[in-house]
Amino acid sequence: MLTSDEAQQLVLTKLKNRQNGLNYQIVAERTVERPFGWLFCVAVSAPEGTVAAEKLEQLVVVNRYVGQVIESSIAYTPDRLIEIYEAFLAKSQSSTNDWCLTISSLPHLWKSFLRKRLAKKAKEMGLREIR
């Protein structure tokens, strides 16, 4: 299970691995802690001296239990992004009958179908995992 500091470092590492030349900084006062983990607001800026030096903000969700880092291509409010992530998390857990405890409760092909269906819906909602 991740701590808040570990989660912040994970976010920054994954974003910096994109090799896009942007600077990333967690805006600590806008961090929201939830039972699943955190929603971080990340300030994004181009390096000083470049033409595109405007600052943007990006919201990133981190699941403390599995280290999943999620961003959205849609500009949701923090509350809305948390609501969407929590809904997908609940569907994921309920559709597999609490998968961490009863892994054999559904046939393998059904589990695969449900995961793909949830992944497709998440993609439609603009969510994607940062790897």
Protein backbone atom coordinates (compact mmCIF):
# COMPACT_ATOMS: atom_id res chain seq x y z
CA MET A 1 0.00 0.00 0.00
CA LEU A 2 1.36 3.40 -1.01
CA THR A 3 1.82 6.41 1.23
CA SER A 4 0.91 9.86 -0.02
CA ASP A 5 4.58 10.73 -0.60
CA GLU A 6 5.15 7.50 -2.54
CA ALA A 7 2.03 8.17 -4.63
CA GLN A 8 3.20 11.70 -5.45
CA GLN A 9 6.61 10.39 -6.49
CA LEU A 10 4.96 7.70 -8.62
CA VAL A 11 2.85 10.32 -10.43
CA LEU A 12 5.82 12.58 -11.11
CA THR A 13 7.97 9.67 -12.30
CA LYS A 14 5.31 8.38 -14.69
CA LEU A 15 4.60 11.85 -16.10
CA LYS A 16 8.29 12.65 -16.55
CA ASN A 17 8.83 9.33 -18.35
CA ARG A 18 6.76 10.71 -21.22
CA GLN A 19 9.85 12.58 -22.46
CA ASN A 20 7.75 15.54 -23.58
CA GLY A 21 9.97 18.22 -22.04
CA LEU A 22 7.29 19.56 -19.68
CA ASN A 23 7.71 20.31 -16.00
CA TYR A 24 5.35 18.72 -13.48
CA GLN A 25 4.68 19.73 -9.90
CA ILE A 26 2.09 18.45 -7.43
CA VAL A 27 -0.09 21.24 -6.02
CA ALA A 28 -0.20 19.92 -2.44
CA GLU A 29 -3.02 22.16 -1.17
CA ARG A 30 -5.38 20.78 -3.85
CA THR A 31 -4.76 17.10 -3.03
CA VAL A 32 -7.90 15.16 -2.10
CA GLU A 33 -7.56 11.96 -0.05
CA ARG A 34 -10.21 9.27 -0.46
CA PRO A 35 -10.48 5.65 0.75
CA PHE A 36 -9.07 4.36 -2.58
CA GLY A 37 -6.13 6.77 -2.57
CA TRP A 38 -5.68 10.34 -3.80
CA LEU A 39 -6.59 12.83 -6.46
CA PHE A 40 -3.60 15.06 -7.20
CA CYS A 41 -3.66 18.33 -9.05
CA VAL A 42 -0.51 18.55 -11.15
CA ALA A 43 0.75 21.89 -12.44
CA VAL A 44 2.16 21.42 -15.94
CA SER A 45 4.43 23.96 -17.58
CA ALA A 46 6.97 24.18 -20.37
CA PRO A 47 10.59 24.88 -19.45
CA GLU A 48 11.46 28.55 -18.97
CA GLY A 49 12.56 30.33 -22.09
CA THR A 50 10.32 28.33 -24.42
CA VAL A 51 7.47 29.80 -26.42
CA ALA A 52 4.75 27.66 -24.80
CA ALA A 53 5.43 28.70 -21.20
CA GLU A 54 1.76 28.83 -20.18
CA LYS A 55 0.77 26.82 -17.14
CA LEU A 56 -1.88 24.14 -17.18
CA GLU A 57 -3.29 21.85 -14.55
CA GLN A 58 -3.94 18.15 -14.82
CA LEU A 59 -5.87 15.92 -12.42
CA VAL A 60 -4.43 12.50 -11.63
CA VAL A 61 -5.96 9.71 -9.53
CA VAL A 62 -3.75 7.20 -7.69
CA ASN A 63 -5.06 3.97 -6.21
CA ARG A 64 -3.08 3.37 -3.01
CA TYR A 65 -3.67 -0.40 -3.07
CA VAL A 66 -2.53 -1.28 -6.59
CA GLY A 67 -0.45 1.74 -7.65
CA GLN A 68 -2.76 2.52 -10.57
CA VAL A 69 -2.30 6.06 -11.92
CA ILE A 70 -5.21 7.45 -13.95
CA GLU A 71 -5.58 10.66 -15.94
CA SER A 72 -8.43 12.00 -18.03
CA SER A 73 -8.49 13.50 -21.48
CA ILE A 74 -11.67 15.32 -20.42
CA ALA A 75 -11.45 18.37 -18.14
CA TYR A 76 -13.52 17.11 -15.21
CA THR A 77 -13.80 18.94 -11.91
CA PRO A 78 -11.95 17.17 -9.08
CA ASP A 79 -15.23 16.03 -7.49
CA ARG A 80 -16.54 14.66 -10.79
CA LEU A 81 -13.33 12.76 -11.57
CA ILE A 82 -13.39 11.19 -8.10
CA GLU A 83 -17.05 10.27 -8.57
CA ILE A 84 -16.33 8.61 -11.93
CA TYR A 85 -13.28 6.73 -10.64
CA GLU A 86 -15.14 5.50 -7.54
CA ALA A 87 -18.04 4.32 -9.74
CA PHE A 88 -15.69 2.33 -11.98
CA LEU A 89 -13.89 0.93 -8.95
CA ALA A 90 -17.20 -0.19 -7.41
CA LYS A 91 -18.33 -1.77 -10.70
CA SER A 92 -15.00 -3.53 -11.08
CA GLN A 93 -15.19 -4.99 -7.60
CA SER A 94 -18.88 -5.93 -7.72
CA SER A 95 -18.86 -7.38 -11.23
CA THR A 96 -16.29 -9.94 -10.18
CA ASN A 97 -17.99 -10.68 -6.86
CA ASP A 98 -15.22 -9.09 -4.84
CA TRP A 99 -12.49 -10.54 -7.05
CA CYS A 100 -9.80 -10.40 -4.39
CA LEU A 101 -11.63 -12.92 -2.17
CA THR A 102 -13.49 -15.22 -4.55
CA ILE A 103 -11.43 -15.38 -7.68
CA SER A 104 -13.18 -18.52 -8.94
CA SER A 105 -16.74 -17.25 -8.50
CA LEU A 106 -17.24 -16.42 -12.20
CA PRO A 107 -16.09 -18.38 -15.23
CA HIS A 108 -12.84 -17.04 -16.67
CA LEU A 109 -14.38 -15.86 -19.96
CA TRP A 110 -17.06 -13.87 -18.10
CA LYS A 111 -14.41 -12.13 -16.00
CA SER A 112 -12.46 -11.24 -19.12
CA PHE A 113 -15.59 -9.91 -20.83
CA LEU A 114 -16.53 -7.76 -17.81
CA ARG A 115 -13.00 -6.30 -17.54
CA LYS A 116 -12.96 -5.43 -21.26
CA ARG A 117 -16.42 -3.87 -21.00
CA LEU A 118 -15.37 -1.71 -18.05
CA ALA A 119 -12.13 -0.74 -19.80
CA LYS A 120 -14.06 0.31 -22.90
CA LYS A 121 -16.48 2.41 -20.85
CA ALA A 122 -13.59 4.04 -18.95
CA LYS A 123 -11.93 4.93 -22.26
CA GLU A 124 -15.18 6.48 -23.49
CA MET A 125 -15.24 8.61 -20.32
CA GLY A 126 -11.73 9.85 -21.11
CA LEU A 127 -9.92 7.84 -18.45
CA ARG A 128 -6.59 6.22 -19.20
CA GLU A 129 -3.84 4.66 -17.17
CA ILE A 130 -0.46 6.34 -17.14
CA ARG A 131 2.19 3.66 -17.55
